[in-house]
Amino acid sequence: MAAPLARRNLTHDRTRLAVTLAGIVFAIVLITVQLGLFIGFTKTTSGVIDHAGVDLWITAPGAPNFDAAPPIPERKIHGVRSVPGVASAEPLIVQFTRWRRPDGQGETVEIVGFDVDQPMGRPWAVVAGRIEDLKLPDTIMVDELYLGKLGVERLGQTVEINERRARVVGFTRGIRSFTTSPYVFTSLANARRYAQNLRDSETIYVVARVAPGADVDEVKQRLIARVTDVDVLTTAEFAFRTQYYWMFTTGAGMAVLLAAVLGLVVGVVIVAQTIYATTMDRIREYGTLKAMGASNGFVTRVILTQAGLSGTVGYALGMAVSLVPVTLSEYGQAAIRLPWPLAAFMLVLTLAMCAAASLTSIRKALSVDPATVFRS
């Protein structure tokens, strides 16, 4: 009986119901978009690490993240290759440098130089051109998302990187950069020409793959024991270090999470006010129910059911609205991710928000004196 009464209370004043749903939808969209941005930013910060096809990263000691590691002597690669369990090891260059657009304006880009003959460090999601084309001198690949920013209009176009010629031979799709400086993929030889302040005897990383059947953690410990003055990290460790740095050390992630908390607070306040107003409008009816012998548990179930129905409908509408910015973000430089665990979390959070918002109403309804029914 609690559910029909709850539905009747909700639909009796449709304007108030609309206000309640609008508040829930607003909170859901704000929280979902902000958490989706947080997840998207987190994945973006470690995108190259996650797709590099690498088991172990050898970096300068204390390198804070993927984008800002100091150089190390390239000779370290010989020590890495000599460790039992290492199948292959190659240098990888990652460095910011200058890009000059055809109209003369300057941009900052992030060069990623890899061994084209090896599977490590390659760009993924190539939609035009071939990776093998990067073996040619002065050739690069850029992502479609940044063509306007870089002033690139077509394959084969010639631009200038660090005052050297560069020809665009391929496009990728969806390789975003958290620093807003687009990644530019090229060969090791080309990267050395484009890089700033990097000696021929230096590299930024040595990346390694372990032999089939070898334990990554065991090989890591051998590398730590044999190769000095470096950090040795698994892909998961280096990805976490990079994500933690950008999302928490810089404060970028906290700003996004704060906006999500703000959405939660706004939603709770709006829903609480609406449910409380609905309860006060029906306060005599609750008194009647208690006079007729209804238990406190029954009254509580009615109000919680109202909150649950509001939350369920509001959740469905809110997620439908949230899909719009999520879909549009696929074509922008900031990706909003909505994995199914986040969608499930939002359902639980919505119902909890509505239940919490109804607590004041429950206390008010339970405290009503049944004798008020008989007063004029």
Protein backbone atom coordinates (compact mmCIF):
# COMPACT_ATOMS: atom_id res chain seq x y z
CA MET A 1 0.00 0.00 0.00
CA ALA A 2 2.94 2.34 0.58
CA ALA A 3 3.88 2.48 -3.12
CA PRO A 4 0.45 3.55 -4.48
CA LEU A 5 0.16 6.23 -1.82
CA ALA A 6 3.66 7.47 -2.59
CA ARG A 7 2.87 7.66 -6.32
CA ARG A 8 -0.32 9.57 -5.61
CA ASN A 9 1.51 12.06 -3.41
CA LEU A 10 4.10 12.64 -6.12
CA THR A 11 1.72 13.05 -9.05
CA HIS A 12 -0.85 15.14 -7.20
CA ASP A 13 1.22 18.29 -7.70
CA ARG A 14 2.94 17.83 -11.03
CA THR A 15 4.64 21.21 -10.92
CA ARG A 16 6.37 20.30 -7.68
CA LEU A 17 7.26 16.90 -9.13
CA ALA A 18 8.81 18.62 -12.15
CA VAL A 19 10.89 20.82 -9.85
CA THR A 20 12.05 17.77 -7.91
CA LEU A 21 13.02 15.91 -11.08
CA ALA A 22 14.76 18.99 -12.47
CA GLY A 23 16.87 19.25 -9.32
CA ILE A 24 17.80 15.57 -9.47
CA VAL A 25 18.61 15.75 -13.19
CA PHE A 26 20.74 18.85 -12.68
CA ALA A 27 22.70 17.17 -9.89
CA ILE A 28 23.16 13.94 -11.87
CA VAL A 29 24.33 15.70 -15.01
CA LEU A 30 26.76 17.90 -13.09
CA ILE A 31 28.19 15.02 -11.05
CA THR A 32 28.35 12.63 -14.03
CA VAL A 33 30.05 15.15 -16.32
CA GLN A 34 32.57 16.16 -13.67
CA LEU A 35 33.40 12.57 -12.69
CA GLY A 36 33.47 11.65 -16.38
CA LEU A 37 35.91 14.50 -16.99
CA PHE A 38 38.03 13.28 -14.09
CA ILE A 39 38.15 9.76 -15.54
CA GLY A 40 38.79 11.14 -19.03
CA PHE A 41 41.60 13.40 -17.82
CA THR A 42 43.10 10.55 -15.81
CA LYS A 43 43.13 8.24 -18.83
CA THR A 44 44.52 11.02 -21.01
CA THR A 45 47.49 11.68 -18.73
CA SER A 46 48.71 8.10 -19.13
CA GLY A 47 47.39 7.41 -22.62
CA VAL A 48 50.78 6.92 -24.29
CA ILE A 49 52.03 4.82 -21.38
CA ASP A 50 49.00 2.53 -21.52
CA HIS A 51 49.27 2.02 -25.28
CA ALA A 52 53.06 1.81 -25.60
CA GLY A 53 53.21 -1.99 -25.47
CA VAL A 54 55.89 -1.77 -22.77
CA ASP A 55 56.42 -3.89 -19.65
CA LEU A 56 59.04 -1.77 -17.89
CA TRP A 57 60.04 1.91 -17.97
CA ILE A 58 63.57 2.98 -17.02
CA THR A 59 63.56 6.67 -16.14
CA ALA A 60 65.69 9.29 -14.45
CA PRO A 61 65.45 9.05 -10.64
CA GLY A 62 62.30 10.73 -9.37
CA ALA A 63 60.87 11.52 -12.80
CA PRO A 64 57.49 12.99 -11.79
CA ASN A 65 55.46 12.02 -14.83
CA PHE A 66 55.58 10.91 -18.45
CA ASP A 67 55.70 14.45 -19.83
CA ALA A 68 58.51 15.89 -17.69
CA ALA A 69 61.26 13.33 -17.24
CA PRO A 70 64.92 14.46 -17.35
CA PRO A 71 67.22 12.68 -19.82
CA ILE A 72 69.36 9.67 -18.95
CA PRO A 73 72.50 8.36 -20.69
CA GLU A 74 71.51 6.18 -23.62
CA ARG A 75 74.24 3.74 -22.67
CA LYS A 76 71.92 2.54 -19.89
CA ILE A 77 70.23 0.51 -22.59
CA HIS A 78 73.16 -1.92 -22.69
CA GLY A 79 72.80 -2.67 -19.01
CA VAL A 80 69.06 -3.20 -19.43
CA ARG A 81 69.53 -5.60 -22.33
CA SER A 82 72.04 -7.66 -20.35
CA VAL A 83 69.57 -8.45 -17.56
CA PRO A 84 68.11 -11.99 -17.72
CA GLY A 85 64.44 -11.92 -18.64
CA VAL A 86 64.63 -8.79 -20.79
CA ALA A 87 63.55 -9.65 -24.34
CA SER A 88 64.09 -6.20 -25.86
CA ALA A 89 64.93 -2.68 -24.81
CA GLU A 90 64.86 0.53 -26.84
CA PRO A 91 65.19 4.27 -26.25
CA LEU A 92 62.10 6.46 -26.27
CA ILE A 93 62.29 10.24 -26.59
CA VAL A 94 59.54 12.45 -25.16
CA GLN A 95 60.16 16.18 -25.15
CA PHE A 96 58.40 19.49 -25.63
CA THR A 97 59.51 21.58 -28.57
CA ARG A 98 58.40 24.43 -30.81
CA TRP A 99 55.99 24.09 -33.75
CA ARG A 100 55.51 26.85 -36.29
CA ARG A 101 52.21 26.95 -38.14
CA PRO A 102 52.05 27.89 -41.85
CA ASP A 103 50.67 31.29 -40.83
CA GLY A 104 53.75 31.96 -38.70
CA GLN A 105 52.13 31.47 -35.30
CA GLY A 106 53.91 29.28 -32.78
CA GLU A 107 52.63 26.32 -30.76
CA THR A 108 54.17 23.94 -28.26
CA VAL A 109 54.08 20.24 -29.14
CA GLU A 110 55.34 17.10 -27.46
CA ILE A 111 57.58 14.96 -29.61
CA VAL A 112 57.38 11.18 -29.11
CA GLY A 113 60.31 9.51 -30.86
CA PHE A 114 60.35 5.70 -31.09
CA ASP A 115 62.12 2.94 -32.98
CA VAL A 116 59.90 2.39 -36.00
CA ASP A 117 61.21 -1.18 -36.39
CA GLN A 118 60.08 -2.12 -32.88
CA PRO A 119 56.54 -2.53 -31.47
CA MET A 120 57.12 -0.27 -28.45
CA GLY A 121 56.01 3.34 -28.27
CA ARG A 122 54.10 3.35 -31.53
CA PRO A 123 51.05 5.55 -32.13
CA TRP A 124 47.73 3.73 -32.09
CA ALA A 125 44.46 4.40 -33.91
CA VAL A 126 46.26 5.40 -37.12
CA VAL A 127 43.57 6.45 -39.62
CA ALA A 128 45.74 7.82 -42.44
CA GLY A 129 49.25 6.96 -43.56
CA ARG A 130 51.52 4.17 -42.32
CA ILE A 131 53.83 4.01 -39.34
CA GLU A 132 56.58 2.76 -41.67
CA ASP A 133 56.47 6.12 -43.46
CA LEU A 134 58.12 7.62 -40.38
CA LYS A 135 61.38 5.94 -41.40
CA LEU A 136 61.77 8.72 -43.96
CA PRO A 137 63.65 11.84 -42.85
CA ASP A 138 61.61 14.73 -41.48
CA THR A 139 58.28 12.87 -41.26
CA ILE A 140 55.70 13.04 -38.47
CA MET A 141 52.21 11.92 -37.44
CA VAL A 142 49.70 14.11 -35.60
CA ASP A 143 46.19 13.58 -34.28
CA GLU A 144 43.09 14.76 -36.11
CA LEU A 145 41.84 16.53 -32.97
CA TYR A 146 44.66 19.08 -33.21
CA LEU A 147 44.76 19.79 -36.95
CA GLY A 148 43.19 23.22 -36.52
CA LYS A 149 45.45 24.07 -33.59
CA LEU A 150 48.53 23.09 -35.59
CA GLY A 151 47.37 24.59 -38.87
CA VAL A 152 47.50 21.25 -40.69
CA GLU A 153 45.08 20.79 -43.56
CA ARG A 154 46.24 17.69 -45.43
CA LEU A 155 48.65 14.79 -45.59
CA GLY A 156 51.96 15.72 -47.13
CA GLN A 157 51.83 19.26 -45.76
CA THR A 158 55.17 20.68 -44.66
CA VAL A 159 55.52 22.50 -41.34
CA GLU A 160 58.40 23.59 -39.11
CA ILE A 161 59.46 22.02 -35.83
CA ASN A 162 62.28 23.64 -33.87
CA GLU A 163 63.34 25.46 -37.05
CA ARG A 164 63.55 22.22 -39.01
CA ARG A 165 61.35 20.93 -41.82
CA ALA A 166 58.67 18.35 -40.99
CA ARG A 167 56.24 16.64 -43.34
CA VAL A 168 52.93 15.22 -42.10
CA VAL A 169 52.62 11.62 -43.35
CA GLY A 170 49.86 10.29 -41.11
CA PHE A 171 46.96 11.04 -38.81
CA THR A 172 45.79 9.33 -35.64
CA ARG A 173 42.38 9.63 -34.03
CA GLY A 174 41.67 10.24 -30.35
CA ILE A 175 45.22 10.51 -28.96
CA ARG A 176 44.70 13.40 -26.58
CA SER A 177 47.27 15.28 -24.55
CA PHE A 178 46.43 16.44 -21.03
CA THR A 179 49.01 19.24 -21.25
CA THR A 180 47.16 20.68 -24.31
CA SER A 181 50.44 20.37 -26.26
CA PRO A 182 49.64 17.82 -29.00
CA TYR A 183 51.69 14.65 -29.30
CA VAL A 184 53.76 14.44 -32.48
CA PHE A 185 54.98 10.91 -33.26
CA THR A 186 58.14 10.38 -35.27
CA SER A 187 61.21 8.17 -35.52
CA LEU A 188 64.09 8.33 -33.05
CA ALA A 189 66.38 9.93 -35.64
CA ASN A 190 63.82 12.62 -36.45
CA ALA A 191 63.05 13.21 -32.77
CA ARG A 192 66.69 13.94 -32.04
CA ARG A 193 66.68 16.63 -34.69
CA TYR A 194 63.46 18.19 -33.39
CA ALA A 195 64.23 17.95 -29.67
CA GLN A 196 65.69 20.83 -27.69
CA ASN A 197 68.71 20.45 -25.42
CA LEU A 198 69.00 16.68 -25.86
CA ARG A 199 72.45 15.29 -26.58
CA ASP A 200 72.97 12.45 -29.04
CA SER A 201 74.22 10.35 -26.12
CA GLU A 202 70.99 10.83 -24.14
CA THR A 203 67.47 9.52 -24.18
CA ILE A 204 64.43 10.25 -22.04
CA TYR A 205 63.38 6.66 -21.40
CA VAL A 206 64.58 3.16 -21.96
CA VAL A 207 61.54 0.95 -22.49
CA ALA A 208 61.70 -2.81 -22.18
CA ARG A 209 59.64 -5.92 -22.75
CA VAL A 210 60.22 -9.09 -20.79
CA ALA A 211 60.71 -12.49 -22.35
CA PRO A 212 57.68 -14.78 -22.68
CA GLY A 213 57.09 -16.57 -19.40
CA ALA A 214 59.26 -14.18 -17.40
CA ASP A 215 57.80 -12.48 -14.34
CA VAL A 216 57.72 -8.71 -14.76
CA ASP A 217 58.29 -7.99 -11.07
CA GLU A 218 61.27 -10.35 -10.90
CA VAL A 219 62.86 -8.74 -13.96
CA LYS A 220 62.20 -5.34 -12.43
CA GLN A 221 64.11 -6.30 -9.27
CA ARG A 222 67.04 -7.54 -11.35
CA LEU A 223 67.13 -4.25 -13.22
CA ILE A 224 67.08 -2.28 -9.97
CA ALA A 225 70.04 -4.33 -8.72
CA ARG A 226 72.09 -4.02 -11.90
CA VAL A 227 71.26 -0.64 -13.48
CA THR A 228 72.16 2.29 -11.23
CA ASP A 229 70.94 5.89 -11.01
CA VAL A 230 67.54 5.17 -12.56
CA ASP A 231 64.00 4.35 -11.54
CA VAL A 232 62.51 1.12 -12.84
CA LEU A 233 58.72 1.09 -13.05
CA THR A 234 56.13 -1.25 -14.45
CA THR A 235 53.62 0.23 -16.87
CA ALA A 236 50.94 0.25 -14.16
CA GLU A 237 53.27 1.99 -11.70
CA PHE A 238 54.38 4.64 -14.17
CA ALA A 239 50.80 5.26 -15.30
CA PHE A 240 49.70 5.71 -11.68
CA ARG A 241 52.61 8.05 -10.94
CA THR A 242 51.71 10.20 -13.93
CA GLN A 243 48.00 10.19 -13.15
CA TYR A 244 48.58 11.07 -9.50
CA TYR A 245 50.91 13.92 -10.41
CA TRP A 246 48.59 15.62 -12.87
CA MET A 247 45.31 14.99 -11.07
CA PHE A 248 46.34 15.72 -7.49
CA THR A 249 49.75 17.39 -7.25
CA THR A 250 48.74 20.13 -9.68
CA GLY A 251 45.24 20.48 -8.21
CA ALA A 252 43.52 19.89 -11.56
CA GLY A 253 41.77 16.76 -10.36
CA MET A 254 40.66 18.33 -7.09
CA ALA A 255 38.95 21.16 -8.94
CA VAL A 256 36.94 18.65 -10.98
CA LEU A 257 36.03 16.60 -7.91
CA LEU A 258 35.01 19.74 -6.03
CA ALA A 259 32.57 20.59 -8.81
CA ALA A 260 31.11 17.07 -8.51
CA VAL A 261 30.66 17.51 -4.75
CA LEU A 262 28.97 20.85 -5.41
CA GLY A 263 26.51 19.11 -7.72
CA LEU A 264 25.75 16.56 -5.01
CA VAL A 265 25.11 19.29 -2.43
CA VAL A 266 22.84 21.22 -4.79
CA GLY A 267 20.88 18.08 -5.63
CA VAL A 268 20.40 17.12 -1.97
CA VAL A 269 19.21 20.62 -1.08
CA ILE A 270 16.70 20.84 -3.94
CA VAL A 271 15.32 17.35 -3.38
CA ALA A 272 15.17 17.84 0.39
CA GLN A 273 13.22 21.08 0.03
CA THR A 274 10.76 19.59 -2.42
CA ILE A 275 10.14 16.40 -0.47
CA TYR A 276 9.77 18.41 2.73
CA ALA A 277 7.25 20.73 1.08
CA THR A 278 5.31 17.73 -0.22
CA THR A 279 5.34 16.19 3.25
CA MET A 280 4.08 19.40 4.88
CA ASP A 281 1.27 19.64 2.33
CA ARG A 282 0.22 16.12 3.36
CA ILE A 283 0.95 16.44 7.06
CA ARG A 284 -2.72 16.06 8.06
CA GLU A 285 -2.95 12.96 5.88
CA TYR A 286 -0.03 11.44 7.74
CA GLY A 287 -1.80 12.34 10.98
CA THR A 288 -4.91 10.56 9.67
CA LEU A 289 -2.86 7.48 8.83
CA LYS A 290 -1.40 7.41 12.33
CA ALA A 291 -4.87 7.94 13.85
CA MET A 292 -6.06 4.93 11.84
CA GLY A 293 -3.27 2.84 13.30
CA ALA A 294 -0.55 3.20 10.66
CA SER A 295 2.85 2.46 12.14
CA ASN A 296 5.87 4.73 12.01
CA GLY A 297 7.47 2.15 9.71
CA PHE A 298 4.63 2.49 7.21
CA VAL A 299 4.88 6.30 7.16
CA THR A 300 8.64 6.02 6.73
CA ARG A 301 8.18 3.61 3.79
CA VAL A 302 5.77 6.02 2.08
CA ILE A 303 8.22 8.91 2.20
CA LEU A 304 11.22 6.75 1.24
CA THR A 305 9.22 5.30 -1.65
CA GLN A 306 8.46 8.83 -2.84
CA ALA A 307 12.16 9.60 -2.70
CA GLY A 308 13.04 6.35 -4.47
CA LEU A 309 10.53 6.93 -7.28
CA SER A 310 11.76 10.48 -7.75
CA GLY A 311 15.36 9.29 -7.77
CA THR A 312 14.74 6.49 -10.27
CA VAL A 313 12.93 8.71 -12.76
CA GLY A 314 15.42 11.54 -12.23
CA TYR A 315 18.32 9.13 -12.73
CA ALA A 316 16.93 7.88 -16.05
CA LEU A 317 16.41 11.43 -17.31
CA GLY A 318 19.76 12.61 -15.97
CA MET A 319 21.75 9.83 -17.61
CA ALA A 320 19.97 10.45 -20.92
CA VAL A 321 20.95 14.12 -20.75
CA SER A 322 24.50 13.24 -19.69
CA LEU A 323 24.99 11.13 -22.81
CA VAL A 324 24.85 14.31 -24.91
CA PRO A 325 28.08 15.92 -23.60
CA VAL A 326 29.70 12.48 -23.34
CA THR A 327 29.05 11.85 -27.04
CA LEU A 328 30.06 15.34 -28.12
CA SER A 329 33.31 15.10 -26.16
CA GLU A 330 34.52 12.38 -28.52
CA TYR A 331 35.08 15.13 -31.07
CA GLY A 332 36.81 17.51 -28.66
CA GLN A 333 40.11 17.75 -26.87
CA ALA A 334 38.61 16.91 -23.43
CA ALA A 335 37.09 13.45 -23.28
CA ILE A 336 34.24 12.71 -20.87
CA ARG A 337 34.15 9.00 -20.03
CA LEU A 338 31.03 7.19 -18.83
CA PRO A 339 32.02 3.58 -18.10
CA TRP A 340 29.32 1.29 -16.74
CA PRO A 341 30.78 1.29 -13.19
CA LEU A 342 30.29 5.06 -13.13
CA ALA A 343 26.70 4.70 -14.37
CA ALA A 344 26.01 2.10 -11.67
CA PHE A 345 27.64 4.28 -9.04
CA MET A 346 25.46 7.20 -10.11
CA LEU A 347 22.31 5.12 -9.61
CA VAL A 348 23.36 4.18 -6.08
CA LEU A 349 24.42 7.77 -5.37
CA THR A 350 21.12 9.16 -6.66
CA LEU A 351 19.01 6.85 -4.52
CA ALA A 352 21.20 7.58 -1.49
CA MET A 353 20.94 11.31 -2.16
CA CYS A 354 17.15 11.13 -2.32
CA ALA A 355 16.96 8.97 0.79
CA ALA A 356 19.19 11.38 2.71
CA ALA A 357 17.12 14.31 1.50
CA SER A 358 13.95 12.71 2.91
CA LEU A 359 15.25 12.32 6.48
CA THR A 360 13.92 15.70 7.62
CA SER A 361 10.53 14.92 6.13
CA ILE A 362 10.43 11.56 7.88
CA ARG A 363 11.17 13.13 11.25
CA LYS A 364 8.44 15.72 10.70
CA ALA A 365 5.85 13.14 9.65
CA LEU A 366 6.67 10.83 12.57
CA SER A 367 6.36 13.66 15.07
CA VAL A 368 2.86 14.75 13.96
CA ASP A 369 0.18 14.32 16.60
CA PRO A 370 -2.76 12.19 15.32
CA ALA A 371 -5.07 14.45 17.32
CA THR A 372 -4.44 17.23 14.78
CA VAL A 373 -6.84 15.38 12.47
CA PHE A 374 -9.72 16.23 14.75
CA ARG A 375 -8.84 19.91 15.19
CA SER A 376 -10.36 22.56 13.01
